[in-house]
Protein backbone atom coordinates (compact mmCIF):
# COMPACT_ATOMS: atom_id res chain seq x y z
CA MET A 1 5.55 24.44 4.62
CA LEU A 2 3.71 21.45 5.09
CA LEU A 3 0.88 22.11 2.90
CA SER A 4 3.57 22.72 0.04
CA PHE A 5 5.13 19.61 0.90
CA ALA A 6 1.73 17.49 0.45
CA GLN A 7 1.03 19.28 -2.59
CA PHE A 8 4.17 18.51 -4.30
CA ILE A 9 4.24 14.85 -3.07
CA GLN A 10 0.66 14.39 -4.49
CA ASN A 11 1.34 16.11 -7.97
CA THR A 12 4.41 13.93 -8.74
CA ALA A 13 3.56 11.74 -11.69
CA PHE A 14 3.35 8.33 -9.87
CA PHE A 15 0.67 9.66 -7.18
CA THR A 16 -1.23 11.74 -10.15
CA ALA A 17 -1.46 8.17 -12.03
CA PHE A 18 -1.96 6.29 -8.71
CA ARG A 19 -4.67 8.79 -7.56
CA GLY A 20 -6.40 8.46 -11.24
CA SER A 21 -6.28 4.79 -11.52
CA GLY A 22 -9.59 3.09 -11.61
CA TYR A 23 -7.85 0.06 -10.19
CA MET A 24 -4.88 0.62 -8.27
CA TYR A 25 -6.12 3.37 -5.48
CA PRO A 26 -9.37 1.02 -4.90
CA ILE A 27 -7.03 -2.27 -4.66
CA VAL A 28 -4.37 -0.73 -2.29
CA LEU A 29 -7.39 0.86 -0.43
CA SER A 30 -8.82 -2.68 -0.02
CA LEU A 31 -5.67 -4.43 0.97
CA HIS A 32 -4.80 -1.60 3.49
CA MET A 33 -8.34 -3.05 5.03
CA VAL A 34 -7.53 -6.68 4.89
CA MET A 35 -4.32 -5.79 6.68
CA ILE A 36 -6.14 -3.81 9.30
CA ALA A 37 -8.45 -6.22 9.88
CA LEU A 38 -5.33 -9.02 9.89
CA PHE A 39 -3.36 -7.11 12.30
CA GLY A 40 -6.11 -5.52 14.61
CA GLY A 41 -7.24 -8.98 15.19
CA MET A 42 -3.90 -10.19 16.21
CA ILE A 43 -3.64 -7.22 18.42
CA LEU A 44 -6.91 -7.83 20.00
CA ILE A 45 -6.15 -11.32 20.62
CA THR A 46 -2.76 -10.26 22.52
CA ASP A 47 -4.67 -7.43 24.17
CA MET A 48 -7.69 -9.77 25.65
CA ARG A 49 -4.87 -12.55 26.93
CA LEU A 50 -2.91 -9.51 28.47
CA LEU A 51 -5.75 -8.33 30.04
CA GLY A 52 -7.32 -11.52 31.16
CA TRP A 53 -10.28 -11.63 29.24
CA GLY A 54 -9.80 -14.37 26.70
CA MET A 55 -7.47 -17.13 25.50
CA ARG A 56 -6.47 -17.89 29.16
CA SER A 57 -5.53 -21.49 28.67
CA TYR A 58 -2.86 -20.27 26.52
CA PRO A 59 0.49 -19.19 28.16
CA VAL A 60 0.75 -15.44 27.30
CA SER A 61 4.55 -16.20 25.73
CA ASP A 62 2.92 -18.55 23.28
CA LEU A 63 0.65 -15.87 21.99
CA ILE A 64 3.20 -13.39 21.81
CA ASP A 65 6.15 -15.33 20.38
CA GLN A 66 3.54 -16.73 17.81
CA LEU A 67 1.84 -13.57 16.64
CA ARG A 68 5.21 -11.25 16.76
CA MET A 69 6.19 -11.81 13.06
CA PRO A 70 3.06 -11.70 11.79
CA LYS A 71 2.26 -8.76 13.41
CA ARG A 72 5.47 -7.15 12.16
CA ILE A 73 4.65 -8.11 8.42
CA GLY A 74 0.97 -7.20 9.06
CA ILE A 75 2.03 -3.21 10.21
CA THR A 76 4.70 -3.15 7.85
CA LEU A 77 2.20 -3.81 4.91
CA MET A 78 -0.51 -1.77 6.80
CA ILE A 79 1.63 1.33 6.78
CA ALA A 80 3.08 0.84 3.25
CA LEU A 81 -0.30 0.64 1.90
CA GLY A 82 -1.94 3.46 3.86
CA VAL A 83 1.50 5.77 2.57
CA LEU A 84 0.42 4.84 -0.89
CA MET A 85 -3.00 6.10 -0.12
CA ALA A 86 -1.99 9.30 1.94
CA CYS A 87 0.32 10.47 -0.57
CA ALA A 88 -1.89 10.14 -3.46
CA LYS A 89 -4.30 12.70 -1.66
CA ALA A 90 -1.69 14.20 0.95
CA GLU A 91 -3.30 17.83 0.33
CA GLU A 92 -6.90 16.66 0.96
CA TYR A 93 -5.17 14.80 4.14
CA TYR A 94 -3.58 17.94 5.32
CA TYR A 95 -7.18 19.59 6.00
CA ASN A 96 -8.42 16.44 7.52
CA ASP A 97 -8.55 16.63 11.03
CA TRP A 98 -9.34 12.57 11.26
CA PHE A 99 -6.41 11.94 9.54
CA ARG A 100 -4.37 14.30 11.86
CA LEU A 101 -5.70 12.16 14.87
CA LYS A 102 -5.05 8.75 13.63
CA MET A 103 -1.42 9.79 12.55
CA ALA A 104 -1.01 11.34 16.59
CA LEU A 105 -2.65 7.94 17.83
CA LEU A 106 -0.16 5.96 15.66
CA ILE A 107 2.69 7.81 16.91
CA VAL A 108 1.41 7.32 20.60
CA ALA A 109 1.16 3.54 19.54
CA GLY A 110 4.99 3.03 18.59
CA LEU A 111 5.46 4.92 21.67
CA HIS A 112 3.57 2.72 23.66
CA ALA A 113 5.40 -0.19 21.98
CA LEU A 114 8.92 1.22 22.88
CA ILE A 115 7.59 1.68 26.39
CA PHE A 116 6.23 -1.94 26.92
CA ARG A 117 8.55 -3.92 24.95
CA SER A 118 11.08 -4.26 27.13
CA ARG A 119 8.37 -4.36 30.39
CA VAL A 120 6.15 -6.84 29.31
CA TYR A 121 6.39 -8.25 25.58
CA ASN A 122 9.79 -9.38 25.54
CA ARG A 123 9.41 -10.51 29.30
CA ALA A 124 6.32 -12.84 28.75
CA VAL A 125 7.58 -15.99 29.86
CA GLU A 126 8.25 -14.19 33.11
CA LEU A 127 4.10 -13.28 33.10
CA ASP A 128 3.77 -17.13 32.38
CA ARG A 129 5.30 -17.87 35.78
CA ALA A 130 3.82 -15.10 37.72
CA PRO A 131 0.37 -16.36 39.88
CA GLN A 132 -1.65 -13.39 37.95
CA LEU A 133 -0.98 -11.31 35.47
CA PRO A 134 0.88 -8.12 36.69
CA ALA A 135 -0.70 -4.63 36.68
CA GLY A 136 1.92 -3.74 34.24
CA ALA A 137 0.47 -6.08 31.40
CA LYS A 138 -2.85 -5.28 31.70
CA LEU A 139 -2.11 -1.92 31.37
CA ALA A 140 -0.07 -2.57 28.35
CA GLY A 141 -3.06 -4.13 27.11
CA ALA A 142 -5.70 -1.84 28.18
CA ILE A 143 -3.59 0.91 26.53
CA SER A 144 -3.08 -0.89 23.40
CA LEU A 145 -6.67 -1.76 23.04
CA VAL A 146 -7.89 1.64 23.71
CA LEU A 147 -4.94 3.13 21.18
CA TRP A 148 -6.14 0.66 18.21
CA ILE A 149 -9.67 1.16 18.45
CA GLY A 150 -8.73 4.83 18.32
CA ILE A 151 -6.72 4.74 15.37
CA ALA A 152 -9.45 2.31 13.34
CA CYS A 153 -12.39 4.72 14.54
CA ALA A 154 -10.25 7.27 13.38
CA GLY A 155 -9.17 5.91 10.04
CA ARG A 156 -12.98 5.54 9.40
CA GLY A 157 -13.66 9.38 10.05
CA ILE A 158 -10.97 10.14 7.34
CA GLY A 159 -13.80 8.85 4.51
CA TYR A 160 -16.27 11.15 5.84
CA ILE A 161 -14.66 14.54 5.78
CA GLU A 162 -15.27 16.62 2.38
CA PRO A 163 -11.73 18.19 1.67
CA PRO A 164 -12.35 22.28 1.20
CA LEU A 165 -12.55 22.21 -2.55
CA ASP A 166 -11.91 25.89 -3.03
CA LYS A 167 -8.43 24.91 -1.38
CA ILE A 168 -7.52 21.72 -3.24
CA HIS A 169 -5.03 22.18 -5.91
CA ALA A 170 -4.48 18.52 -7.42
CA GLY A 171 -6.56 17.16 -10.32
CA LEU A 172 -7.93 13.53 -10.13
CA PHE A 173 -5.82 12.69 -13.37
CA ALA A 174 -2.75 13.60 -15.07
CA PRO A 175 -3.11 16.47 -17.95
CA PRO A 176 -3.96 15.44 -20.80
CA ALA A 177 -1.41 14.92 -23.94
CA PRO A 178 -1.71 17.93 -26.03
CA VAL A 179 -3.83 17.42 -29.29
CA ALA A 180 -2.49 18.06 -32.43
CA VAL A 181 -4.46 20.24 -34.36
CA VAL A 182 -5.48 19.05 -37.85
CA SER A 183 -6.72 22.09 -40.50
CA ALA A 184 -9.66 21.34 -42.61
CA ALA A 185 -8.04 23.23 -45.43
CA ARG A 186 -7.45 21.39 -48.68
């Protein structure tokens, strides 16, 4: 059922044209990579501060509050671009274990955000008042760091798995338009 849905999505006219474009897919892939770098940098800064490994002269609340909106924008764009690419090659990704791992880790990262939002991220001012960072804040930073490194590594692994070509049904380009046959008889 999931395979049928993947085949349906990638065979729509939009995703067939998108996949076959010499410009759009590479541009979206490049923008996805840029968003990963920007979003990943913001996550790294936040996690390093929560772990007490960097940016110690800045209050935790300043980093968290100032990066909150850029991180939201970054993850939204990163996911939107990733969905475009995934839908264009949905059947290939269906068979890709790295893609499955990346999706699983993204779900866990979402759960991490929900669990630690009220305990850490929305209480950053309280963290600044504490004589030292609480273990919960350090745990949030450590888990986040491990998850996002795993997501980045799994994402890189996606490109190194060849799909089983004997099972793939999608063509690269849309079917050619019918050609009119001109008779040579005069």
